[in-house]
Protein backbone atom coordinates (compact mmCIF):
# COMPACT_ATOMS: atom_id res chain seq x y z
CA MET A 1 -37.28 -11.04 10.44
CA PRO A 2 -40.35 -11.80 12.61
CA GLN A 3 -39.66 -11.83 16.35
CA LYS A 4 -40.66 -14.77 18.51
CA PRO A 5 -43.02 -14.09 21.41
CA VAL A 6 -41.27 -13.65 24.75
CA ALA A 7 -43.28 -16.54 26.23
CA THR A 8 -41.51 -18.99 23.89
CA PHE A 9 -38.11 -18.27 25.53
CA THR A 10 -38.16 -21.31 27.83
CA CYS A 11 -34.65 -22.81 27.47
CA VAL A 12 -32.91 -22.76 30.89
CA ILE A 13 -29.15 -22.06 31.05
CA ASN A 14 -26.80 -23.60 33.62
CA LEU A 15 -25.11 -20.57 35.21
CA ASP A 16 -22.57 -22.81 36.92
CA LYS A 17 -20.86 -23.18 33.57
CA HIS A 18 -20.16 -19.42 33.48
CA ASP A 19 -17.80 -17.30 35.58
CA ASP A 20 -17.10 -13.64 36.41
CA LYS A 21 -13.73 -13.62 34.63
CA GLU A 22 -13.16 -10.45 32.64
CA ILE A 23 -12.38 -11.02 28.95
CA LYS A 24 -9.54 -8.83 27.70
CA ARG A 25 -9.57 -7.30 24.26
CA ALA A 26 -7.94 -9.75 21.85
CA VAL A 27 -4.52 -8.80 20.47
CA LEU A 28 -2.26 -10.38 17.87
CA PRO A 29 0.37 -12.82 19.15
CA ARG A 30 3.26 -10.50 18.32
CA THR A 31 1.60 -7.75 20.39
CA ALA A 32 1.07 -10.16 23.29
CA GLU A 33 4.76 -11.10 23.13
CA ARG A 34 5.69 -7.42 23.41
CA TYR A 35 3.55 -7.08 26.53
CA GLU A 36 5.04 -10.22 28.08
CA ARG A 37 8.55 -8.98 27.39
CA SER A 38 7.89 -5.69 29.21
CA VAL A 39 6.82 -7.44 32.43
CA LYS A 40 9.77 -9.85 32.17
CA ILE A 41 12.08 -6.83 32.06
CA PHE A 42 10.30 -5.48 35.14
CA ASP A 43 10.76 -8.82 36.95
CA ARG A 44 14.47 -8.65 36.12
CA PHE A 45 14.55 -5.12 37.49
CA LEU A 46 12.98 -6.33 40.75
CA GLU A 47 15.62 -9.07 41.08
CA LEU A 48 18.44 -6.55 40.78
CA HIS A 49 16.80 -3.91 43.00
CA PRO A 50 15.43 -5.46 46.23
CA ALA A 51 14.22 -2.06 47.45
CA ALA A 52 11.86 -1.71 44.49
CA CYS A 53 8.20 -2.55 45.01
CA SER A 54 5.59 -4.31 42.91
CA PRO A 55 3.15 -2.98 41.82
CA PRO A 56 5.42 0.01 41.25
CA ASP A 57 5.07 3.32 43.00
CA ILE A 58 6.32 6.52 41.35
CA LYS A 59 9.86 6.09 42.74
CA THR A 60 10.14 2.50 41.50
CA TYR A 61 8.56 3.39 38.16
CA LYS A 62 11.09 6.17 37.53
CA GLY A 63 13.96 3.85 38.37
CA PHE A 64 12.54 1.15 36.10
CA LEU A 65 12.31 3.48 33.11
CA GLU A 66 15.90 4.57 33.68
CA PHE A 67 16.85 0.88 33.92
CA TYR A 68 15.17 0.22 30.57
CA ALA A 69 16.73 3.25 28.87
CA ARG A 70 20.26 2.42 30.09
CA ASN A 71 20.00 -1.20 28.88
CA THR A 72 18.46 -0.47 25.48
CA THR A 73 20.44 0.29 22.34
CA GLY A 74 18.94 2.83 19.98
CA ARG A 75 18.45 2.26 16.27
CA ILE A 76 19.22 5.83 15.19
CA GLU A 77 21.85 6.69 17.78
CA GLU A 78 23.59 4.78 20.55
CA LYS A 79 20.85 5.55 23.07
CA PRO A 80 17.10 5.10 22.56
CA THR A 81 14.97 8.13 21.78
CA THR A 82 12.42 9.56 24.18
CA GLU A 83 9.70 8.23 21.87
CA THR A 84 11.10 4.69 22.23
CA VAL A 85 10.96 4.95 26.03
CA GLU A 86 7.45 6.40 25.87
CA ASN A 87 6.25 3.53 23.66
CA PHE A 88 7.72 1.06 26.16
CA ARG A 89 5.93 2.85 29.00
CA ARG A 90 2.59 2.42 27.26
CA ASP A 91 3.28 -1.26 26.57
CA PHE A 92 4.30 -1.81 30.20
CA GLU A 93 1.18 -0.19 31.62
CA THR A 94 -1.03 -2.21 29.29
CA ALA A 95 0.86 -5.38 30.26
CA LEU A 96 0.37 -4.65 33.98
CA ALA A 97 -3.38 -4.32 33.43
CA ARG A 98 -3.69 -7.41 31.23
CA LEU A 99 -1.25 -9.78 32.93
CA ARG A 100 -0.94 -8.58 36.53
CA GLY A 101 -4.36 -7.04 37.13
CA PHE A 102 -2.91 -3.65 38.14
CA ARG A 103 -4.07 -0.46 36.49
CA VAL A 104 -1.59 2.39 36.80
CA PRO A 105 -3.38 5.47 38.21
CA LYS A 106 -3.80 8.29 35.73
CA ASN A 107 -1.82 10.76 37.84
CA MET A 108 1.11 8.32 38.01
CA SER A 109 0.94 7.68 34.25
CA ASN A 110 0.99 11.43 33.52
CA THR A 111 3.88 11.92 35.94
CA LEU A 112 6.02 9.28 34.21
CA LYS A 113 5.11 10.62 30.79
CA GLU A 114 6.45 14.04 31.78
CA TYR A 115 9.44 12.44 33.51
CA ILE A 116 10.57 10.83 30.24
CA ILE A 117 10.67 14.07 28.25
CA SER A 118 12.21 16.13 31.07
CA ASP A 119 14.33 14.63 33.86
CA LEU A 120 15.14 11.28 32.21
CA LYS A 121 16.00 12.92 28.90
CA THR A 122 18.35 15.36 30.63
CA LYS A 123 19.92 12.77 32.93
CA LEU A 124 20.75 10.25 30.19
CA SER A 125 21.07 12.72 27.28
CA LEU A 126 18.44 10.85 25.31
CA PRO A 127 18.07 11.97 21.68
CA ASP A 128 14.70 13.34 20.61
CA VAL A 129 15.09 12.83 16.86
CA GLU A 130 11.91 12.16 14.92
CA MET A 131 11.03 10.75 11.54
CA SER A 132 10.97 13.29 8.73
CA ARG A 133 7.53 14.68 7.88
CA ASP A 134 8.38 15.44 4.25
CA GLY A 135 6.26 14.00 1.46
CA LEU A 136 7.22 12.53 -1.91
CA SER A 137 5.87 15.04 -4.42
CA PRO A 138 5.20 14.31 -8.13
CA ASN A 139 8.41 16.20 -8.92
CA ASP A 140 10.39 13.95 -6.56
CA LEU A 141 8.72 10.91 -8.12
CA THR A 142 9.74 12.13 -11.59
CA ILE A 143 13.36 12.45 -10.46
CA LEU A 144 13.40 8.96 -8.94
CA LEU A 145 11.80 7.23 -11.94
CA THR A 146 14.00 9.14 -14.39
CA GLN A 147 17.03 7.93 -12.45
CA LEU A 148 15.66 4.39 -12.42
CA TRP A 149 14.87 4.13 -16.13
CA CYS A 150 17.19 6.62 -17.85
CA ARG A 151 20.32 7.17 -15.73
CA ASP A 152 20.70 4.27 -13.34
CA PHE A 153 23.99 2.39 -13.18
CA LYS A 154 22.87 -0.31 -10.76
CA GLU A 155 22.97 -3.94 -11.93
CA TYR A 156 19.83 -5.67 -10.71
CA ARG A 157 20.20 -9.21 -9.46
CA GLY A 158 18.21 -12.34 -10.17
CA GLN A 159 17.42 -14.46 -13.20
CA PHE A 160 15.17 -11.71 -14.58
CA PRO A 161 16.80 -8.38 -13.64
CA ASP A 162 14.37 -6.30 -15.73
CA ARG A 163 11.47 -7.63 -13.65
CA SER A 164 13.19 -6.30 -10.52
CA ARG A 165 13.10 -2.81 -12.03
CA LEU A 166 9.46 -3.26 -13.06
CA GLN A 167 8.54 -4.47 -9.58
CA LEU A 168 10.23 -1.51 -7.93
CA THR A 169 8.46 0.99 -10.19
CA ALA A 170 5.04 -0.62 -9.86
CA SER A 171 5.28 -0.87 -6.06
CA ILE A 172 6.37 2.79 -5.74
CA LEU A 173 3.40 3.91 -7.85
CA LEU A 174 1.06 1.65 -5.88
CA TYR A 175 2.18 3.26 -2.62
CA CYS A 176 1.78 6.76 -4.08
CA PHE A 177 -1.65 6.21 -5.64
CA SER A 178 -3.24 4.11 -2.86
CA SER A 179 -1.55 5.64 0.23
CA ALA A 180 -0.90 2.07 1.41
CA ARG A 181 1.42 1.38 4.34
CA THR A 182 4.66 -0.52 3.67
CA GLY A 183 3.44 -3.77 5.20
CA GLU A 184 0.38 -3.94 2.96
CA VAL A 185 1.98 -4.26 -0.48
CA HIS A 186 5.11 -6.04 0.73
CA GLU A 187 5.20 -8.52 3.58
CA SER A 188 5.99 -7.00 6.95
CA THR A 189 8.78 -8.76 8.83
CA ALA A 190 6.76 -8.47 12.03
CA ARG A 191 3.84 -10.32 10.42
CA ARG A 192 5.83 -12.90 8.47
CA SER A 193 6.12 -15.53 11.23
CA LEU A 194 2.43 -15.11 12.03
CA ALA A 195 1.45 -15.61 8.40
CA ARG A 196 3.15 -18.99 8.34
CA GLN A 197 0.80 -20.31 11.07
CA LYS A 198 -1.80 -21.64 8.64
CA ASP A 199 -3.14 -24.34 10.88
CA GLY A 200 -1.49 -23.44 14.15
CA GLY A 201 -3.35 -23.85 17.41
CA ASP A 202 -6.88 -23.01 18.41
CA ASN A 203 -6.27 -19.26 18.40
CA ASN A 204 -8.35 -17.77 15.60
CA ASP A 205 -6.12 -14.69 15.55
CA ALA A 206 -3.13 -16.87 14.65
CA ASN A 207 -5.02 -19.15 12.30
CA LEU A 208 -4.59 -17.01 9.20
CA GLN A 209 -5.38 -18.44 5.80
CA ALA A 210 -3.06 -16.20 3.76
CA SER A 211 0.19 -17.86 2.74
CA ALA A 212 1.76 -14.42 2.36
CA MET A 213 0.48 -11.26 4.01
CA ALA A 214 1.13 -9.01 1.03
CA ALA A 215 -0.47 -7.93 -2.24
CA CYS A 216 -1.45 -11.16 -4.06
CA TYR A 217 -3.32 -11.78 -7.30
CA LYS A 218 -6.55 -12.28 -5.35
CA HIS A 219 -6.39 -8.60 -4.35
CA PHE A 220 -6.45 -7.36 -7.97
CA ILE A 221 -9.26 -7.27 -10.52
CA LEU A 222 -8.57 -6.26 -14.13
CA THR A 223 -11.50 -5.13 -16.27
CA ILE A 224 -12.26 -3.42 -19.56
CA GLU A 225 -14.66 -0.56 -18.91
CA LEU A 226 -16.24 2.42 -20.60
CA VAL A 227 -14.96 5.45 -18.67
CA ASP A 228 -16.12 8.89 -19.83
CA GLY A 229 -16.98 7.35 -23.18
CA ILE A 230 -13.51 5.80 -23.65
CA PRO A 231 -12.91 2.01 -23.54
CA MET A 232 -9.94 1.42 -21.25
CA LEU A 233 -8.42 -0.97 -18.75
CA VAL A 234 -9.24 -0.48 -15.07
CA LEU A 235 -7.26 -2.19 -12.31
CA THR A 236 -8.88 -2.62 -8.89
CA TYR A 237 -6.73 -3.18 -5.81
CA ALA A 238 -8.28 -4.28 -2.50
CA ARG A 239 -6.08 -3.48 0.49
CA GLU A 240 -6.58 -6.43 2.84
CA PHE A 241 -3.75 -6.09 5.35
CA VAL A 242 -4.46 -2.58 6.60
CA LYS A 243 -3.75 -1.60 10.18
CA GLY A 244 -6.02 -3.63 12.46
CA TYR A 245 -7.19 -5.71 9.48
CA TRP A 246 -7.93 -8.76 11.61
CA ARG A 247 -10.64 -6.89 13.54
CA LYS A 248 -12.30 -5.31 10.50
CA LYS A 249 -15.25 -6.56 8.50
CA LYS A 250 -14.52 -7.56 4.93
CA TRP A 251 -16.12 -4.42 3.49
CA GLU A 252 -14.19 -1.97 5.69
CA PRO A 253 -10.68 -1.93 4.12
CA PRO A 254 -10.41 0.47 1.16
CA VAL A 255 -10.60 -0.62 -2.48
CA HIS A 256 -8.79 1.49 -5.09
CA ALA A 257 -9.41 1.69 -8.84
CA PHE A 258 -6.71 2.81 -11.31
CA TYR A 259 -7.52 3.60 -14.93
CA GLU A 260 -5.43 3.45 -18.07
CA VAL A 261 -6.05 6.81 -19.79
CA TYR A 262 -5.53 9.99 -17.74
CA LYS A 263 -7.44 13.20 -18.47
CA GLU A 264 -4.19 15.16 -18.81
CA GLU A 265 -0.86 14.31 -20.37
CA VAL A 266 1.63 13.00 -17.83
CA PRO A 267 4.92 11.11 -18.19
CA LEU A 268 4.38 7.50 -19.21
CA PHE A 269 6.07 6.16 -16.09
CA PHE A 270 3.23 7.60 -13.97
CA ASN A 271 0.85 4.98 -15.40
CA LEU A 272 0.54 2.11 -12.93
CA ILE A 273 -1.25 -0.22 -15.36
CA PHE A 274 1.60 0.23 -17.84
CA PHE A 275 3.94 -1.50 -15.36
CA MET A 276 1.49 -3.98 -13.84
CA LEU A 277 0.50 -5.59 -17.16
CA PRO A 278 4.02 -6.89 -17.95
CA LEU A 279 4.27 -8.32 -14.42
CA PHE A 280 0.97 -10.16 -14.88
CA SER A 281 1.94 -11.33 -18.35
CA ALA A 282 5.39 -12.60 -17.26
CA ASP A 283 3.66 -14.78 -14.65
CA CYS A 284 1.26 -16.12 -17.32
CA ALA A 285 -1.44 -14.96 -14.92
CA PHE A 286 -4.25 -14.42 -17.44
CA ARG A 287 -6.67 -17.31 -17.69
CA HIS A 288 -7.83 -16.68 -21.27
CA TYR A 289 -5.01 -14.60 -22.75
CA LYS A 290 -1.41 -15.53 -23.58
CA SER A 291 -0.02 -12.04 -23.06
CA TYR A 292 -1.05 -8.48 -22.29
CA THR A 293 -0.69 -7.50 -25.97
CA GLU A 294 -3.79 -9.57 -26.76
CA ILE A 295 -5.69 -7.63 -24.10
CA LEU A 296 -4.54 -4.28 -25.50
CA ASP A 297 -5.55 -5.38 -29.00
CA GLU A 298 -9.01 -6.28 -27.71
CA VAL A 299 -9.38 -2.86 -26.05
CA ASP A 300 -8.32 -1.11 -29.27
CA SER A 301 -10.83 -3.12 -31.30
CA ILE A 302 -13.81 -1.96 -29.22
CA LYS A 303 -16.06 0.52 -31.00
CA VAL A 304 -17.94 2.95 -28.79
CA SER A 305 -20.87 2.97 -31.22
CA ASP A 306 -21.44 -0.73 -30.51
CA LEU A 307 -21.79 0.01 -26.79
CA GLU A 308 -24.41 2.77 -26.94
CA SER A 309 -27.22 0.38 -26.11
CA GLN A 310 -25.29 -1.27 -23.27
CA SER A 311 -26.35 -0.04 -19.82
CA ASN A 312 -23.45 -1.74 -17.98
CA HIS A 313 -20.23 0.19 -18.54
CA VAL A 314 -18.10 -2.76 -17.39
CA ILE A 315 -17.51 -4.43 -20.74
CA SER A 316 -15.61 -7.52 -19.57
CA ARG A 317 -13.47 -8.89 -16.75
CA ILE A 318 -10.05 -10.41 -17.36
CA HIS A 319 -9.69 -13.33 -14.97
CA PHE A 320 -6.48 -14.48 -13.33
CA ARG A 321 -5.58 -18.15 -13.01
CA LYS A 322 -7.11 -19.71 -9.91
CA ASP A 323 -3.87 -21.39 -8.89
CA LEU A 324 -2.14 -17.99 -8.74
CA LEU A 325 -4.65 -16.13 -6.58
CA ASP A 326 -2.62 -16.61 -3.38
CA THR A 327 0.70 -15.89 -5.12
CA PRO A 328 2.31 -12.51 -4.26
CA VAL A 329 2.73 -10.15 -7.20
CA PHE A 330 5.92 -8.66 -5.73
CA ARG A 331 8.42 -11.42 -4.90
CA PRO A 332 12.10 -11.66 -3.85
CA PHE A 333 14.69 -11.44 -6.62
CA SER A 334 15.43 -15.16 -6.12
CA GLU A 335 11.78 -16.10 -6.82
CA LEU A 336 10.89 -13.96 -9.81
CA ASP A 337 9.99 -17.09 -11.82
CA CYS A 338 6.36 -17.66 -10.86
CA GLU A 339 6.40 -21.37 -11.72
CA THR A 340 9.23 -22.13 -9.26
CA SER A 341 8.18 -19.63 -6.59
CA THR A 342 7.62 -20.92 -3.06
CA GLY A 343 4.92 -18.33 -2.43
CA ARG A 344 7.14 -15.92 -0.52
CA ALA A 345 6.50 -12.20 -0.86
CA ARG A 346 9.18 -9.55 -1.07
CA GLY A 347 9.84 -8.20 2.42
CA ALA A 348 8.94 -4.63 3.35
CA ASP A 349 12.42 -4.16 4.81
CA ALA A 350 14.08 -5.25 1.54
CA PHE A 351 11.88 -2.86 -0.44
CA GLY A 352 12.65 -0.01 1.97
CA LYS A 353 16.39 -0.48 1.55
CA GLU A 354 16.11 -0.62 -2.24
CA PHE A 355 13.90 2.48 -2.25
CA ALA A 356 16.40 4.37 -0.07
CA ALA A 357 19.29 3.27 -2.30
CA LEU A 358 17.47 4.63 -5.36
CA GLU A 359 17.02 7.91 -3.52
CA TYR A 360 20.74 8.20 -2.78
CA ARG A 361 21.60 7.46 -6.41
CA SER A 362 19.17 10.25 -7.37
CA GLY A 363 21.01 12.79 -5.21
CA TYR A 364 18.80 12.93 -2.10
CA GLU A 365 20.42 13.23 1.29
CA LEU A 366 17.56 11.80 3.37
CA ASN A 367 15.79 8.46 3.17
CA VAL A 368 12.72 8.31 0.97
CA THR A 369 10.20 5.89 2.47
CA ALA A 370 6.79 4.56 1.55
CA CYS A 371 5.50 6.75 4.38
CA ALA A 372 6.60 9.81 2.37
CA CYS A 373 4.45 8.56 -0.53
CA ARG A 374 1.54 8.02 1.84
CA ARG A 375 1.95 11.43 3.48
CA TRP A 376 1.87 13.37 0.19
CA ALA A 377 -1.12 11.36 -1.03
CA LEU A 378 -3.09 12.11 2.14
CA MET A 379 -2.13 15.80 2.18
CA GLU A 380 -3.42 16.20 -1.37
CA THR A 381 -6.53 14.14 -0.60
CA ASP A 382 -7.28 16.39 2.37
CA LYS A 383 -7.34 19.44 0.07
CA LYS A 384 -9.62 17.97 -2.59
CA TYR A 385 -11.97 15.50 -0.91
CA SER A 386 -14.22 15.22 2.13
CA GLN A 387 -13.02 14.00 5.51
CA THR A 388 -14.91 10.74 5.01
CA ALA A 389 -13.23 10.14 1.65
CA ARG A 390 -9.81 10.93 3.13
CA MET A 391 -10.34 8.52 6.03
CA LYS A 392 -11.40 5.73 3.66
CA HIS A 393 -8.42 6.41 1.36
CA ALA A 394 -6.07 6.25 4.35
CA SER A 395 -7.91 3.41 6.13
CA HIS A 396 -8.17 5.57 9.26
CA THR A 397 -10.74 4.92 11.95
CA GLU A 398 -10.29 8.27 13.74
CA ALA A 399 -10.47 11.67 12.08
CA CYS A 400 -7.75 13.12 14.32
CA THR A 401 -5.12 10.64 13.07
CA PHE A 402 -4.41 12.71 9.96
CA GLY A 403 -3.78 15.95 11.84
CA ARG A 404 -1.63 14.21 14.44
CA LEU A 405 0.59 12.14 12.14
CA TYR A 406 0.27 13.22 8.51
CA ALA A 407 -0.64 16.90 8.29
CA ARG A 408 2.08 19.03 6.75
CA PRO A 409 4.29 20.96 9.21
CA VAL A 410 4.70 23.83 6.74
CA CYS A 411 2.00 26.47 7.19
CA GLU A 412 -0.23 26.88 4.14
CA VAL A 413 -0.61 30.62 4.76
CA ASP A 414 1.48 33.05 2.70
CA GLY A 415 2.34 35.35 5.60
CA PRO A 416 3.60 38.45 3.71
CA ALA A 417 0.79 38.35 1.14
CA THR A 418 -1.85 37.86 3.81
CA TYR A 419 -0.53 40.66 5.99
CA LEU A 420 -0.10 43.08 3.06
CA ASN A 421 -3.41 41.98 1.45
CA ILE A 422 -1.81 41.26 -1.93
CA ALA A 423 -1.89 38.29 -4.34
CA SER A 424 -0.31 35.22 -2.74
CA ARG A 425 2.14 32.58 -3.94
CA HIS A 426 1.94 28.87 -3.16
CA GLU A 427 4.73 27.09 -5.03
CA HIS A 428 7.40 27.89 -2.41
CA ILE A 429 5.19 26.17 0.18
CA GLN A 430 4.80 23.13 -2.06
CA ASN A 431 8.59 22.97 -2.39
CA ARG A 432 8.96 22.69 1.38
CA ARG A 433 6.41 19.92 1.66
CA SER A 434 8.41 17.71 -0.72
CA MET A 435 11.85 16.07 -0.55
CA GLY A 436 13.32 18.49 -3.11
CA ILE A 437 14.97 20.69 -0.50
CA HIS A 438 17.06 17.67 0.59
CA ARG A 439 18.42 16.91 -2.90
CA ASN A 440 21.87 17.76 -4.20
CA PRO A 441 21.73 17.21 -7.99
CA ASN A 442 25.51 17.69 -8.32
CA LEU A 443 26.34 14.85 -5.94
CA TRP A 444 28.55 12.15 -7.51
CA GLN A 445 26.86 8.82 -7.18
CA SER A 446 28.95 6.15 -8.82
CA LEU A 447 32.46 6.84 -7.50
CA PRO A 448 34.16 8.84 -4.73
CA ALA A 449 35.16 12.36 -5.79
CA LYS A 450 38.87 11.57 -6.14
CA ALA A 451 38.25 8.39 -8.15
CA GLU A 452 35.71 10.20 -10.34
CA PHE A 453 38.24 12.93 -11.11
CA GLU A 454 40.95 10.37 -11.94
CA PHE A 455 38.50 8.50 -14.16
CA GLN A 456 37.68 11.64 -16.12
CA GLU A 457 41.36 12.44 -16.54
């Protein structure tokens, strides 16, 4: 673009219409509410403690954190964890800077950070439990899907109970293969109220156009392509609602492609497209096809010899109906009928509970979460791909995030073999990275032990 000469810049600006007010970094409304709540709690603390000072000194700050910890109920145990108090401390310091114009000195911040994990923890007997760092391995996935399709005794609710089972399987595979966070495929409860503000206010952050902040038809593209000389279906999934999505450019969130024919033989229930096609077909989502069987017939009818002269390996695109593009693919059991759906997406919390229930019926003693799927996917990605590819797959903006939150706690080194300089083993390490060590295959699932024994008699 040609640049204009400097002499042509003659437009005079009225500086009286500008001010020296500092513009804070924009945050989502739910984050702003969290900040406001922290300072309201501090104001309540000041009312009850006249000797406390504002802005807080170290003495007041310590008392305030104890005040918060004593008046907060934990989710895991009766009292909050040290991590919960630490998260509140960070929110409070940010709120003081944004809303009260006071920046906590670094030495004070470090002092209170150490106070939480030492004196406050000892004084109030705060638990320091943490989320499990285990991953969902392919073996664990096989056990869960075998339970779901071959051994399950659960009666699924809704007008179309089989679709509920399909939805559960497809969403589990989507989490495993894309490393998506829970609130991307299913609608996060924290985002749900925000998503309903279609035309609310002048705040661009709140003025979201999505009717449901979850995986919708507009995020998927289904094509017939020539892959390694084989005509097959390819499903593309664009992850829109990644962490910090509202600040990203449209090309930044990751896009994943899943193909129909794997290079090696694997169980059929590992094929994501195998479960997604019936979901699409049940919704009558295809614009030019009545069902997925017509699409499969078209793929089978393609002759590779007829495509030798074709330079573009994308043979054709299968379009979805325009009126369904904003419709969530995964919906609540009460809205499985696409024609009568209100546009609600299945909640991430509801999926998490159903996923955990499947795990218990499969004999596992700990909760299996979508984060376990994500963790295993990223650990395997780290071994086989570059750091850039891993960061794109995870939708990370900082390289250190993986090592801090997702790297396996089990050491990869075979200690005895390394020390003795002999051939090493690796499978025992893989076993400790998965959920298998927490599974009891002999655990009765359907009835209590006494009732099960009486039933067998």
